[in-house]
Amino acid sequence: MTRIIQGNLNASELKFAIIAGRFNDFISERLLEGAIDTLIRSGARGRI
């Protein structure tokens, strides 16, 4: 039997910092875009 565990992701009241290096720019740019997208989908607001 499969057990599914789900959480409630709510980033609306939290602060975040994302640091990405310029080395391997073709990889870090996609990782940065994914991180920003995930924060927006989780309710993060502000200067994104």
N, C-alpha and C. Protein backbone atom coordinates (compact mmCIF):
# COMPACT_ATOMS: atom_id res chain seq x y z
N MET A 1 0.83 -1.17 0.00
CA MET A 1 0.00 0.00 0.00
C MET A 1 0.88 1.25 0.00
N THR A 2 0.56 2.19 -0.87
CA THR A 2 1.32 3.42 -0.99
C THR A 2 0.81 4.47 -0.02
N ARG A 3 1.73 5.09 0.69
CA ARG A 3 1.39 6.15 1.64
C ARG A 3 1.88 7.48 1.08
N ILE A 4 0.99 8.44 0.91
CA ILE A 4 1.35 9.74 0.35
C ILE A 4 1.41 10.76 1.48
N ILE A 5 2.54 11.45 1.56
CA ILE A 5 2.72 12.51 2.56
C ILE A 5 2.85 13.82 1.81
N GLN A 6 1.99 14.78 2.11
CA GLN A 6 2.03 16.08 1.45
C GLN A 6 2.16 17.17 2.50
N GLY A 7 2.85 18.22 2.13
CA GLY A 7 3.00 19.35 3.02
C GLY A 7 2.33 20.58 2.44
N ASN A 8 2.18 21.58 3.26
CA ASN A 8 1.61 22.83 2.82
C ASN A 8 2.75 23.84 2.68
N LEU A 9 3.17 24.11 1.47
CA LEU A 9 4.26 25.03 1.23
C LEU A 9 3.72 26.45 1.18
N ASN A 10 4.11 27.26 2.15
CA ASN A 10 3.65 28.63 2.22
C ASN A 10 4.85 29.52 2.54
N ALA A 11 5.32 30.25 1.55
CA ALA A 11 6.50 31.11 1.72
C ALA A 11 6.13 32.57 1.82
N SER A 12 4.85 32.87 2.08
CA SER A 12 4.39 34.26 2.02
C SER A 12 4.97 35.13 3.13
N GLU A 13 5.32 34.59 4.27
CA GLU A 13 5.83 35.38 5.38
C GLU A 13 7.33 35.19 5.61
N LEU A 14 8.01 34.57 4.69
CA LEU A 14 9.42 34.24 4.88
C LEU A 14 10.32 35.09 3.99
N LYS A 15 11.60 35.17 4.34
CA LYS A 15 12.59 35.87 3.54
C LYS A 15 13.60 34.84 3.02
N PHE A 16 14.06 35.06 1.79
CA PHE A 16 15.00 34.13 1.17
C PHE A 16 16.13 34.90 0.50
N ALA A 17 17.26 34.25 0.40
CA ALA A 17 18.39 34.76 -0.39
C ALA A 17 18.85 33.62 -1.28
N ILE A 18 19.07 33.93 -2.55
CA ILE A 18 19.56 32.94 -3.49
C ILE A 18 20.92 33.42 -4.00
N ILE A 19 21.90 32.57 -3.90
CA ILE A 19 23.25 32.90 -4.35
C ILE A 19 23.62 31.95 -5.46
N ALA A 20 24.02 32.50 -6.60
CA ALA A 20 24.42 31.68 -7.75
C ALA A 20 25.72 32.21 -8.32
N GLY A 21 26.65 31.32 -8.55
CA GLY A 21 27.93 31.72 -9.13
C GLY A 21 27.84 31.88 -10.64
N ARG A 22 28.80 32.59 -11.19
CA ARG A 22 28.83 32.79 -12.63
C ARG A 22 29.57 31.66 -13.37
N PHE A 23 30.30 30.84 -12.62
CA PHE A 23 30.97 29.70 -13.23
C PHE A 23 29.92 28.68 -13.64
N ASN A 24 30.04 28.08 -14.79
CA ASN A 24 29.04 27.17 -15.35
C ASN A 24 27.69 27.88 -15.47
N ASP A 25 27.71 29.03 -16.08
CA ASP A 25 26.54 29.89 -16.21
C ASP A 25 25.36 29.16 -16.84
N PHE A 26 25.61 28.28 -17.80
CA PHE A 26 24.52 27.57 -18.47
C PHE A 26 23.77 26.65 -17.52
N ILE A 27 24.39 26.20 -16.45
CA ILE A 27 23.73 25.36 -15.45
C ILE A 27 23.10 26.22 -14.36
N SER A 28 23.88 27.16 -13.83
CA SER A 28 23.38 27.96 -12.69
C SER A 28 22.21 28.85 -13.08
N GLU A 29 22.13 29.29 -14.33
CA GLU A 29 21.00 30.12 -14.77
C GLU A 29 19.69 29.33 -14.71
N ARG A 30 19.72 28.08 -15.13
CA ARG A 30 18.51 27.25 -15.06
C ARG A 30 18.14 26.91 -13.62
N LEU A 31 19.13 26.67 -12.79
CA LEU A 31 18.85 26.41 -11.37
C LEU A 31 18.24 27.64 -10.71
N LEU A 32 18.75 28.82 -11.04
CA LEU A 32 18.21 30.06 -10.49
C LEU A 32 16.76 30.27 -10.92
N GLU A 33 16.48 30.07 -12.20
CA GLU A 33 15.11 30.21 -12.69
C GLU A 33 14.16 29.24 -11.99
N GLY A 34 14.60 28.01 -11.76
CA GLY A 34 13.79 27.03 -11.07
C GLY A 34 13.54 27.40 -9.62
N ALA A 35 14.55 27.94 -8.95
CA ALA A 35 14.39 28.35 -7.56
C ALA A 35 13.40 29.51 -7.45
N ILE A 36 13.52 30.49 -8.33
CA ILE A 36 12.59 31.63 -8.32
C ILE A 36 11.18 31.18 -8.63
N ASP A 37 11.02 30.31 -9.60
CA ASP A 37 9.70 29.79 -9.95
C ASP A 37 9.05 29.06 -8.77
N THR A 38 9.84 28.26 -8.07
CA THR A 38 9.33 27.53 -6.91
C THR A 38 8.91 28.47 -5.80
N LEU A 39 9.68 29.52 -5.55
CA LEU A 39 9.31 30.48 -4.52
C LEU A 39 8.02 31.22 -4.88
N ILE A 40 7.89 31.62 -6.12
CA ILE A 40 6.67 32.32 -6.55
C ILE A 40 5.46 31.41 -6.41
N ARG A 41 5.59 30.16 -6.82
CA ARG A 41 4.48 29.20 -6.70
C ARG A 41 4.11 28.91 -5.25
N SER A 42 5.06 29.13 -4.35
CA SER A 42 4.82 28.88 -2.93
C SER A 42 4.35 30.13 -2.19
N GLY A 43 4.13 31.22 -2.91
CA GLY A 43 3.57 32.42 -2.30
C GLY A 43 4.55 33.49 -1.91
N ALA A 44 5.83 33.35 -2.25
CA ALA A 44 6.81 34.38 -1.92
C ALA A 44 6.51 35.67 -2.67
N ARG A 45 6.66 36.78 -2.00
CA ARG A 45 6.43 38.09 -2.60
C ARG A 45 7.64 38.97 -2.39
N GLY A 46 7.66 40.11 -3.02
CA GLY A 46 8.75 41.07 -2.83
C GLY A 46 9.56 41.23 -4.08
N ARG A 47 10.81 41.54 -3.89
CA ARG A 47 11.71 41.76 -5.03
C ARG A 47 12.24 40.43 -5.52
N ILE A 48 11.63 39.90 -6.53
CA ILE A 48 12.06 38.61 -7.09
C ILE A 48 12.58 38.86 -8.47
